Structures are given as C-alpha cells and as structure tokens.
Amino acid sequence: MTLGLPGDLARATLSRSLARAGHAAAFVALGIAIVLALLVAATGYSPAGWSAAGLVTGMAALLFLVARYPTVLFTTVYLVVGTGIVFAITTLVMNTDVFESTNNVVLALPCLALMLVGGAGAGSVNAIVWATLGYALGEGALLLGALTVGAEFMPSFAATAAFVILVVVRSFDGLSRRRNARGTTGLHDAGRQSHELAIRREYELLAIARLHDTALGHLIAISAAGSGPVDERLRSGIREDLGLIIGRDWATEPEPEPAPGAAREQASAPANAPAPANASAREPAAPAAAHAPATVRDTYPPLRHALAAARNVGLEVRITGDLDVLHALDLTRARAVDEAVAQCLVNVARHAQVAEADVALGIGGGEVTVAVMDTGVGFDVHDVPLDRIGLRTSIRARIEQVQGSVRLWSTKGIGTTIVITVPEGDA
C-alpha cells in the first residue's frame, strides 16, 4: 500500500501513522483509567481513587510530550516515570479486596499505555524495541507492587495480547517496507540501465553515421576527381575530418570555424558553382547576445554540408523554395537535416545513375520539410540489405533522433523521392 505517494514518502507516512495510532490507543487507555479512578473516588468506595486519577493524569501529560516531541529524552523520562506510576497504582489497587491478582483490567490500562510509547526514531525495529522495553517495565512494576503488598502476581493478559499484536503488525510493516525497498532499488537500477543503453545507442548511431558519411563522401569525391594528384582543398578536408573522427571529441558537433576544404563549402553558393580558391570549410560563429542560444542564421548557413557534398561528387542540385525556412530550426536540427540531405545526395550520385537532383524546401504546420528527388533508376525499398546503413542510420535514425520523420518513395525506372520532416524550434 503506497497511499498514492512515492515509495519513500509512503513508507515514512505509514510508519508515523502506526506510531500515532499507538499513541491514540494509549490515550484512550489512560482516559478510561482516569474515569474509573474518579468513579471509585466519587462513590466513596475508596479515597485512593483520587490519588490514582492524579497519577494517571500525570502519565497522560508525559505521553503527550512524547507524542509531540518523540525524542530519546522524553521517551526515557516517560518510561521511567510511567514505571513508577504503574508501581504506585498497583500498590493502591492490590491493597483492596476487589481483585485477586494483578491480572485485572484496572492495572492493564496503564501497562498498555506504557507499552504503546512509540518512542524516538522511525522504523519498525525502533518501535518494537521501545514497546518491548515498555512492556517489560510495566510487568516488572506489577511484580514489584504485588510483592510489596503481598498480593498474587499474574502477568497482565490484556497488555501481553496487545504487545503480541503490536510486534506482529510492526514486523509485517518492516518486512513489507524492506521488500518494497528492494523492489524500488531494482526499478531504479533498471531505469538507470535503460537510460545508459539509450545513451549508448545514441552514441553508436552517431559514430556509425559520422564514419559512414565521412568515409563514403570522401571516397566518392576522390573517385570523381579522376586520375592524378588529389586537389589540395579536398586533401585538407579529408585530413580535417579524419582528425575529428579519431580525436577525443568525435561525438561533439563542431562549431563553425574558419578552415580550408572543399568538403565544407558555404551553402549560400550555387550547388554547381566552382569553389573559390580561398573558400573556407566553416563560417565563424557570429557573436551572440549573453545567454541567448545559437541559431542557424547566426552560425550555420542552410544545407552547407549537403551542397558541398553534392559539388564534391559532381552532382548538380536544383533548389526549389527558400533556404531561409531552415532558420526556423535550432542548430542541432539544422545540422541533422543538413547531414541527412547530404547523404541523400551522395546516394543519388552513387546509385541513381543521374547527374542532377532536386531539393524542395517548405514550412507549415509547425514543421520544416525538405524533399530530395531524382529521376534515376530507382530501387525496391524491400530489397535493400540490412547491412546497408546509409538510409537506415545516416538518414532515418539521424532525423528520428531530433524528433523528425523520413518518408521514402522509389520506383524502378522512375526515380526516388525522400521527404524529411522536422519540427520547428529546439530539439
């Protein structure tokens, strides 16, 4: 039973509730004892009733302090003083001829209150220890009082039965809480492991996609360059990407910065335009206002990587729509779209057997859509081998990581269309 509360709060609440229930029962027992003592005194049966009523009232006052401030000091004082009160009441009651032994309802009431002390500290073990101490002191006071007046001693049946019930209830509560604690620990460990697996999966997808895109893009660029020495700008771009892959920060997204290399041309240039001699791989990040997040407009020209990859593989790209719609995305989503579109264009150059492709951009309904289309040979989606990671990892998994979606249509002899849809705003 958790009472609709979190596990830790529920256990603490139940423990306090049991302690308060014990205190309430103790107050009821002391209240009945006071009433009986007053009735005995008021009817003139025994003047000692007034003394007994006063003693029980003092015991109730001490119990109130324990219930209000459950500290070791107040609990100890209550037990010590309560033991003396039980002894005094025993001598008063057993001096009369009403009861044959100490096993009677009058003496059972203060013994019950002594046993239901609750005590300092939370938990079932503490409660059982304090109850055992109270029960033992109460029975000891009965024995000592009976010996003092020469009466017959018998353990209080009512106090003993209440003590057994309390131990059973508290033991069950402790075992239940321990079992629930183990279950909670197991759930916590399972949740942590699941979170770690998700992070590991995310890093694995990132590593596979980055290695696939970089290696495949450069290999195709080298193949398209033909025989002879490799262009120095392409060579520089390969060295730069190789340093990123084997470096310690391979999993971080590089911030735009000046660096040569044809593989990172600015996206603002036409896709089929020749690269200038002093072209840089990355634009420096524009200074942003304090505490303001980086935006695509500030730091990342739209489809920069995709259009540069298309130039490297000799693919002409016709753009329909406004590239500025990508400014509605944050930097993480803009990069994901850029890299996914780059992989689409590389796939066109590698498989479609055409030299041109179309890229259409649009925005609406809170989403940015980019479609990559070609009129190449097409393929059957169901015939793609499972070990081919271009579409599955570099495109689909990359977009899904930023809460986007990828749809693909392809017909043999007609061509292929891939539609990438990403929500606006932050990932």
Protein backbone atom coordinates (compact mmCIF):
# COMPACT_ATOMS: atom_id res chain seq x y z
CA MET A 1 0.00 0.00 0.00
CA THR A 2 1.53 3.34 -1.10
CA LEU A 3 -1.41 5.72 -0.49
CA GLY A 4 -0.71 7.22 -3.93
CA LEU A 5 2.60 8.61 -2.67
CA PRO A 6 6.17 7.92 -3.81
CA GLY A 7 7.70 4.85 -2.16
CA ASP A 8 9.92 6.67 0.34
CA LEU A 9 7.17 9.09 1.39
CA ALA A 10 4.61 6.29 1.66
CA ARG A 11 6.83 4.22 3.95
CA ALA A 12 7.58 7.18 6.23
CA THR A 13 3.91 8.14 6.32
CA LEU A 14 2.80 4.63 7.23
CA SER A 15 5.40 4.39 9.99
CA ARG A 16 4.27 7.69 11.53
CA SER A 17 0.63 6.66 11.20
CA LEU A 18 1.24 3.43 13.14
CA ALA A 19 3.06 5.35 15.88
CA ARG A 20 0.22 7.88 16.16
CA ALA A 21 -2.33 5.07 16.25
CA GLY A 22 -0.44 3.57 19.20
CA HIS A 23 -0.39 6.91 20.98
CA ALA A 24 -4.12 7.32 20.39
CA ALA A 25 -4.78 3.86 21.88
CA ALA A 26 -2.57 4.74 24.87
CA PHE A 27 -4.52 7.97 25.47
CA VAL A 28 -7.78 6.03 25.33
CA ALA A 29 -6.47 3.54 27.89
CA LEU A 30 -5.30 6.30 30.24
CA GLY A 31 -8.59 8.14 29.79
CA ILE A 32 -10.57 5.06 30.79
CA ALA A 33 -8.28 4.58 33.80
CA ILE A 34 -8.85 8.18 34.92
CA VAL A 35 -12.63 7.80 34.60
CA LEU A 36 -12.60 4.56 36.62
CA ALA A 37 -10.44 6.11 39.33
CA LEU A 38 -12.71 9.15 39.58
CA LEU A 39 -15.82 6.95 39.80
CA VAL A 40 -14.26 4.91 42.59
CA ALA A 41 -13.33 8.07 44.50
CA ALA A 42 -16.64 9.88 43.84
CA THR A 43 -18.77 6.95 45.02
CA GLY A 44 -16.81 6.81 48.26
CA TYR A 45 -15.70 3.24 47.62
CA SER A 46 -12.04 4.12 48.03
CA PRO A 47 -10.43 7.51 48.63
CA ALA A 48 -7.29 6.16 46.91
CA GLY A 49 -9.16 6.73 43.63
CA TRP A 50 -8.25 10.40 43.78
CA SER A 51 -4.55 9.58 44.05
CA ALA A 52 -4.81 7.04 41.23
CA ALA A 53 -6.57 9.58 38.99
CA GLY A 54 -3.82 12.14 39.65
CA LEU A 55 -1.08 9.63 38.89
CA VAL A 56 -2.68 8.53 35.60
CA THR A 57 -3.24 12.18 34.63
CA GLY A 58 0.48 12.85 35.09
CA MET A 59 1.27 9.82 32.95
CA ALA A 60 -1.03 11.15 30.21
CA ALA A 61 0.76 14.51 30.30
CA LEU A 62 4.11 12.79 29.80
CA LEU A 63 2.67 10.74 26.92
CA PHE A 64 1.52 13.97 25.30
CA LEU A 65 5.12 15.24 25.39
CA VAL A 66 6.36 12.01 23.80
CA ALA A 67 3.74 12.23 21.06
CA ARG A 68 4.55 15.88 20.43
CA TYR A 69 8.34 15.55 20.71
CA PRO A 70 9.35 11.91 20.07
CA THR A 71 12.91 12.22 21.34
CA VAL A 72 15.01 9.74 23.30
CA LEU A 73 14.96 12.02 26.36
CA PHE A 74 11.18 12.38 26.59
CA THR A 75 10.66 8.69 25.82
CA THR A 76 13.10 7.65 28.55
CA VAL A 77 11.51 10.01 31.08
CA TYR A 78 8.05 8.68 30.20
CA LEU A 79 9.15 5.08 30.68
CA VAL A 80 10.90 5.75 33.98
CA VAL A 81 8.14 7.89 35.46
CA GLY A 82 5.44 5.63 33.99
CA THR A 83 7.03 2.58 35.62
CA GLY A 84 6.88 4.33 38.99
CA ILE A 85 3.23 5.27 38.40
CA VAL A 86 2.31 1.68 37.49
CA PHE A 87 4.04 0.50 40.69
CA ALA A 88 2.16 3.07 42.80
CA ILE A 89 -1.21 2.24 41.24
CA THR A 90 -0.53 -1.47 41.73
CA THR A 91 0.02 -0.96 45.44
CA LEU A 92 -3.17 1.15 45.69
CA VAL A 93 -5.36 -1.32 43.78
CA MET A 94 -3.99 -4.50 45.33
CA ASN A 95 -4.44 -3.11 48.87
CA THR A 96 -8.18 -3.55 48.34
CA ASP A 97 -10.09 -6.79 48.25
CA VAL A 98 -11.57 -6.18 44.81
CA PHE A 99 -9.04 -8.10 42.68
CA GLU A 100 -7.39 -11.41 43.40
CA SER A 101 -4.30 -10.89 41.23
CA THR A 102 -2.56 -8.26 39.15
CA ASN A 103 -4.21 -9.65 36.01
CA ASN A 104 -7.12 -7.19 36.00
CA VAL A 105 -8.49 -4.52 33.75
CA VAL A 106 -7.59 -1.61 36.04
CA LEU A 107 -3.88 -2.37 36.10
CA ALA A 108 -3.84 -3.43 32.44
CA LEU A 109 -4.74 0.11 31.32
CA PRO A 110 -1.56 1.93 32.49
CA CYS A 111 0.53 -1.06 31.38
CA LEU A 112 -0.96 -0.74 27.90
CA ALA A 113 -0.13 2.97 27.83
CA LEU A 114 3.43 2.21 28.90
CA MET A 115 3.86 -0.40 26.18
CA LEU A 116 2.39 1.86 23.44
CA VAL A 117 5.05 4.52 23.94
CA GLY A 118 6.03 4.56 20.25
CA GLY A 119 9.42 6.01 21.07
CA ALA A 120 12.05 8.04 19.29
CA GLY A 121 13.13 7.28 15.76
CA ALA A 122 11.30 5.93 12.75
CA GLY A 123 11.01 2.35 11.61
CA SER A 124 9.55 -0.88 12.87
CA VAL A 125 12.68 -2.03 14.69
CA ASN A 126 12.76 1.08 16.87
CA ALA A 127 9.06 0.77 17.60
CA ILE A 128 9.42 -2.91 18.64
CA VAL A 129 12.42 -2.13 20.86
CA TRP A 130 10.61 0.68 22.70
CA ALA A 131 7.42 -1.41 23.02
CA THR A 132 9.38 -4.35 24.42
CA LEU A 133 11.06 -2.08 26.94
CA GLY A 134 7.73 -0.55 27.97
CA TYR A 135 6.06 -3.96 28.28
CA ALA A 136 8.93 -5.35 30.38
CA LEU A 137 8.97 -2.31 32.68
CA GLY A 138 5.20 -2.45 33.13
CA GLU A 139 5.21 -6.14 34.05
CA GLY A 140 8.19 -5.55 36.35
CA ALA A 141 6.30 -2.75 38.12
CA LEU A 142 3.29 -5.08 38.58
CA LEU A 143 5.54 -7.76 40.05
CA LEU A 144 7.29 -5.34 42.40
CA GLY A 145 3.98 -3.80 43.51
CA ALA A 146 2.44 -7.23 44.17
CA LEU A 147 5.45 -8.27 46.22
CA THR A 148 5.30 -5.03 48.19
CA VAL A 149 1.68 -5.53 49.33
CA GLY A 150 1.81 -9.34 49.41
CA ALA A 151 -0.66 -9.81 46.55
CA GLU A 152 -0.69 -12.52 43.90
CA PHE A 153 1.20 -11.61 40.72
CA MET A 154 0.00 -12.67 37.30
CA PRO A 155 1.10 -11.12 34.02
CA SER A 156 -1.49 -8.82 32.50
CA PHE A 157 -3.26 -10.80 29.79
CA ALA A 158 -4.57 -7.67 28.04
CA ALA A 159 -1.14 -6.00 27.98
CA THR A 160 0.50 -9.22 26.75
CA ALA A 161 -2.05 -9.68 23.95
CA ALA A 162 -1.65 -6.06 22.86
CA PHE A 163 2.14 -6.45 22.87
CA VAL A 164 1.98 -9.54 20.65
CA ILE A 165 -0.34 -7.77 18.20
CA LEU A 166 1.93 -4.73 18.07
CA VAL A 167 5.01 -6.89 17.37
CA VAL A 168 3.20 -8.77 14.59
CA VAL A 169 1.93 -5.58 12.95
CA ARG A 170 5.25 -3.79 13.18
CA SER A 171 7.17 -6.85 11.93
CA PHE A 172 4.87 -7.17 8.94
CA ASP A 173 5.26 -3.47 8.22
CA GLY A 174 9.06 -3.72 8.42
CA LEU A 175 9.22 -6.75 6.12
CA SER A 176 6.89 -5.09 3.63
CA ARG A 177 8.96 -1.92 3.59
CA ARG A 178 12.16 -3.90 3.13
CA ARG A 179 10.64 -5.84 0.24
CA ASN A 180 9.34 -2.62 -1.30
CA ALA A 181 12.75 -1.03 -0.86
CA ARG A 182 14.36 -3.90 -2.75
CA GLY A 183 11.76 -3.56 -5.48
CA THR A 184 12.32 0.19 -5.66
CA THR A 185 16.08 -0.36 -5.90
CA GLY A 186 15.53 -2.86 -8.69
CA LEU A 187 13.31 -0.44 -10.57
CA HIS A 188 15.85 2.33 -10.07
CA ASP A 189 18.66 0.12 -11.40
CA ALA A 190 16.56 -0.96 -14.35
CA GLY A 191 15.70 2.66 -15.17
CA ARG A 192 19.35 3.68 -14.92
CA GLN A 193 20.46 0.80 -17.14
CA SER A 194 17.76 1.64 -19.66
CA HIS A 195 18.93 5.25 -19.71
CA GLU A 196 22.54 4.16 -20.15
CA LEU A 197 21.57 1.84 -23.00
CA ALA A 198 19.67 4.67 -24.70
CA ILE A 199 22.69 6.96 -24.43
CA ARG A 200 24.99 4.21 -25.69
CA ARG A 201 22.62 3.54 -28.59
CA GLU A 202 22.57 7.23 -29.45
CA TYR A 203 26.37 7.39 -29.48
CA GLU A 204 26.60 4.23 -31.56
CA LEU A 205 24.23 5.67 -34.16
CA LEU A 206 26.19 8.92 -34.17
CA ALA A 207 29.50 7.11 -34.62
CA ILE A 208 28.19 4.86 -37.39
CA ALA A 209 26.54 7.74 -39.23
CA ARG A 210 29.56 10.03 -38.94
CA LEU A 211 32.04 7.37 -40.05
CA HIS A 212 29.79 6.26 -42.90
CA ASP A 213 29.12 9.76 -44.17
CA THR A 214 32.71 10.92 -43.93
CA ALA A 215 34.34 7.84 -45.45
CA LEU A 216 31.78 7.42 -48.20
CA GLY A 217 31.73 11.11 -49.10
CA HIS A 218 35.49 11.34 -49.41
CA LEU A 219 35.79 8.11 -51.34
CA ILE A 220 33.22 9.29 -53.84
CA ALA A 221 34.94 12.70 -54.07
CA ILE A 222 38.29 11.04 -54.75
CA SER A 223 36.69 8.80 -57.35
CA ALA A 224 35.03 11.77 -59.05
CA ALA A 225 38.32 13.67 -59.13
CA GLY A 226 39.74 11.17 -61.60
CA SER A 227 43.37 10.24 -62.01
CA GLY A 228 46.24 12.42 -60.96
CA PRO A 229 47.02 14.20 -57.69
CA VAL A 230 44.19 14.93 -55.26
CA ASP A 231 43.15 18.57 -55.05
CA GLU A 232 44.76 20.25 -52.03
CA ARG A 233 41.43 21.55 -50.75
CA LEU A 234 39.95 18.04 -50.82
CA ARG A 235 43.09 16.69 -49.16
CA SER A 236 42.76 19.30 -46.41
CA GLY A 237 39.11 18.43 -45.87
CA ILE A 238 39.95 14.73 -45.55
CA ARG A 239 42.66 15.46 -43.00
CA GLU A 240 40.25 17.65 -41.05
CA ASP A 241 37.51 15.01 -40.94
CA LEU A 242 39.99 12.27 -40.12
CA GLY A 243 41.24 14.30 -37.16
CA LEU A 244 37.66 14.74 -35.98
CA ILE A 245 36.83 11.02 -36.22
CA ILE A 246 39.90 9.72 -34.40
CA GLY A 247 40.01 12.60 -31.90
CA ARG A 248 38.57 12.61 -28.40
CA ASP A 249 35.74 14.98 -29.33
CA TRP A 250 34.35 12.95 -32.21
CA ALA A 251 30.86 12.88 -30.63
CA THR A 252 30.56 16.66 -30.32
CA GLU A 253 29.15 18.84 -33.02
CA PRO A 254 31.94 21.13 -34.29
CA GLU A 255 31.19 24.80 -34.12
CA PRO A 256 31.61 26.73 -37.38
CA GLU A 257 35.16 28.00 -37.64
CA PRO A 258 37.50 29.07 -40.46
CA ALA A 259 39.20 26.07 -42.06
CA PRO A 260 40.03 25.20 -45.68
CA GLY A 261 38.49 22.26 -47.51
CA ALA A 262 36.13 21.69 -50.38
CA ALA A 263 34.04 19.28 -48.31
CA ARG A 264 32.71 22.20 -46.25
CA GLU A 265 31.83 24.92 -48.75
CA GLN A 266 29.31 27.60 -47.88
CA ALA A 267 25.74 26.61 -48.67
CA SER A 268 24.92 30.05 -49.91
CA ALA A 269 26.81 29.42 -53.15
CA PRO A 270 25.04 27.61 -56.07
CA ALA A 271 25.49 23.86 -55.91
CA ASN A 272 27.16 23.61 -59.32
CA ALA A 273 29.32 26.74 -58.99
CA PRO A 274 33.13 26.37 -58.84
CA ALA A 275 34.61 26.80 -55.39
CA PRO A 276 36.75 29.90 -54.87
CA ALA A 277 40.39 29.39 -54.10
CA ASN A 278 40.13 30.89 -50.65
CA ALA A 279 36.90 29.04 -49.70
CA SER A 280 36.66 28.11 -46.04
CA ALA A 281 35.17 24.96 -44.53
CA ARG A 282 33.23 26.69 -41.80
CA GLU A 283 31.91 30.14 -41.15
CA PRO A 284 32.96 31.69 -37.83
CA ALA A 285 30.14 31.85 -35.32
CA ALA A 286 28.60 35.30 -35.06
CA PRO A 287 28.76 36.80 -31.59
CA ALA A 288 25.51 36.11 -29.80
CA ALA A 289 23.87 38.02 -27.01
CA ALA A 290 24.61 36.87 -23.50
CA HIS A 291 22.63 33.75 -22.54
CA ALA A 292 21.00 33.60 -25.99
CA PRO A 293 21.05 30.21 -27.77
CA ALA A 294 22.84 29.90 -31.11
CA THR A 295 20.56 29.99 -34.14
CA VAL A 296 21.00 28.66 -37.68
CA ARG A 297 21.04 32.21 -39.05
CA ASP A 298 23.92 33.16 -36.73
CA THR A 299 26.21 30.16 -37.08
CA TYR A 300 25.20 27.68 -39.76
CA PRO A 301 24.37 28.51 -43.41
CA PRO A 302 21.47 26.28 -44.55
CA LEU A 303 22.45 22.97 -46.23
CA ARG A 304 26.09 23.99 -46.30
CA HIS A 305 27.38 20.45 -45.90
CA ALA A 306 24.81 18.93 -48.26
CA LEU A 307 25.56 21.32 -51.15
CA ALA A 308 29.30 20.97 -50.65
CA ALA A 309 28.96 17.18 -50.72
CA ALA A 310 26.99 17.44 -53.95
CA ARG A 311 29.78 19.52 -55.53
CA ASN A 312 32.38 17.01 -54.41
CA VAL A 313 30.61 14.13 -56.16
CA GLY A 314 29.83 16.17 -59.28
CA LEU A 315 26.07 16.30 -58.70
CA GLU A 316 24.08 19.31 -59.86
CA VAL A 317 21.37 20.35 -57.39
CA ARG A 318 18.30 22.39 -58.29
CA ILE A 319 16.73 24.08 -55.26
CA THR A 320 13.03 24.88 -55.07
CA GLY A 321 11.81 27.01 -52.22
CA ASP A 322 13.60 29.29 -49.80
CA LEU A 323 16.62 28.04 -47.89
CA ASP A 324 15.75 30.52 -45.15
CA VAL A 325 12.95 28.20 -43.93
CA LEU A 326 15.73 26.22 -42.24
CA HIS A 327 16.30 29.20 -39.97
CA ALA A 328 13.20 28.04 -38.07
CA LEU A 329 15.26 25.12 -36.75
CA ASP A 330 17.75 25.19 -33.94
CA LEU A 331 21.39 24.34 -34.60
CA THR A 332 21.04 20.65 -33.68
CA ARG A 333 18.12 20.04 -36.00
CA ALA A 334 19.65 22.13 -38.79
CA ARG A 335 22.80 20.02 -38.68
CA ALA A 336 20.80 16.80 -38.65
CA VAL A 337 18.82 17.89 -41.71
CA ASP A 338 21.98 19.08 -43.46
CA GLU A 339 23.81 15.78 -42.89
CA ALA A 340 20.76 13.69 -43.83
CA VAL A 341 20.26 15.64 -47.08
CA ALA A 342 23.98 15.31 -47.82
CA GLN A 343 23.66 11.53 -47.50
CA CYS A 344 20.61 11.59 -49.79
CA LEU A 345 22.57 13.49 -52.45
CA VAL A 346 25.58 11.19 -52.12
CA ASN A 347 23.25 8.22 -52.58
CA VAL A 348 21.83 9.83 -55.72
CA ALA A 349 25.32 10.30 -57.16
CA ARG A 350 26.30 6.76 -56.25
CA HIS A 351 23.21 4.74 -57.17
CA ALA A 352 20.71 6.73 -59.25
CA GLN A 353 22.90 6.99 -62.38
CA VAL A 354 21.96 10.63 -62.93
CA ALA A 355 23.98 13.84 -62.68
CA GLU A 356 21.33 16.04 -61.12
CA ALA A 357 18.82 16.08 -58.27
CA ASP A 358 16.11 18.38 -56.96
CA VAL A 359 15.79 19.69 -53.40
CA ALA A 360 12.49 21.29 -52.37
CA LEU A 361 12.00 23.13 -49.08
CA GLY A 362 8.85 24.25 -47.34
CA ILE A 363 7.44 25.15 -43.94
CA GLY A 364 3.96 24.85 -42.46
CA GLY A 365 2.03 23.41 -39.56
CA GLY A 366 4.99 23.92 -37.26
CA GLU A 367 7.25 21.69 -39.37
CA VAL A 368 10.06 22.18 -41.86
CA THR A 369 10.04 19.81 -44.83
CA VAL A 370 12.90 19.03 -47.19
CA ALA A 371 12.37 16.72 -50.16
CA VAL A 372 15.22 15.22 -52.22
CA MET A 373 14.12 13.93 -55.63
CA ASP A 374 15.83 12.31 -58.59
CA THR A 375 14.71 10.71 -61.84
CA GLY A 376 17.24 7.89 -61.69
CA VAL A 377 16.95 4.14 -61.88
CA GLY A 378 15.06 3.81 -58.59
CA PHE A 379 15.02 0.73 -56.40
CA ASP A 380 12.80 -1.56 -54.38
CA VAL A 381 12.89 -0.47 -50.75
CA HIS A 382 12.26 -4.03 -49.57
CA ASP A 383 15.33 -5.29 -51.43
CA VAL A 384 17.77 -3.08 -49.51
CA PRO A 385 20.10 -5.36 -47.47
CA LEU A 386 20.01 -4.95 -43.70
CA ASP A 387 23.75 -4.24 -43.60
CA ARG A 388 23.32 -1.09 -45.69
CA ILE A 389 23.44 1.73 -43.16
CA GLY A 390 23.13 4.80 -45.41
CA LEU A 391 19.34 5.12 -45.42
CA ARG A 392 18.73 3.39 -42.08
CA THR A 393 21.34 5.18 -39.95
CA SER A 394 22.72 8.24 -41.73
CA ILE A 395 19.28 9.44 -42.79
CA ARG A 396 16.37 7.90 -40.91
CA ALA A 397 17.97 7.35 -37.47
CA ARG A 398 19.66 10.75 -37.57
CA ILE A 399 16.36 12.55 -38.24
CA GLU A 400 14.42 10.48 -35.71
CA GLN A 401 16.93 11.49 -33.02
CA VAL A 402 15.71 15.09 -33.39
CA GLN A 403 12.02 14.02 -33.32
CA GLY A 404 11.67 14.16 -37.09
CA SER A 405 10.45 11.63 -39.64
CA VAL A 406 11.59 10.30 -43.01
CA ARG A 407 9.36 9.01 -45.79
CA LEU A 408 10.63 7.38 -48.98
CA TRP A 409 9.09 6.53 -52.31
CA SER A 410 11.03 4.80 -55.08
CA THR A 411 10.06 3.05 -58.29
CA LYS A 412 12.44 1.26 -60.58
CA GLY A 413 12.98 3.19 -63.79
CA ILE A 414 11.20 6.32 -62.48
CA GLY A 415 13.25 7.65 -59.58
CA THR A 416 13.32 8.21 -55.84
CA THR A 417 11.84 10.82 -53.50
CA ILE A 418 12.84 11.19 -49.86
CA VAL A 419 10.85 13.59 -47.67
CA ILE A 420 12.42 14.75 -44.41
CA THR A 421 10.12 16.47 -41.88
CA VAL A 422 11.44 18.10 -38.68
CA PRO A 423 9.52 20.16 -36.09
CA GLU A 424 10.40 23.82 -35.74
CA GLY A 425 12.30 25.09 -32.71
CA ASP A 426 14.59 23.26 -30.35
CA ALA A 427 15.29 19.54 -30.37
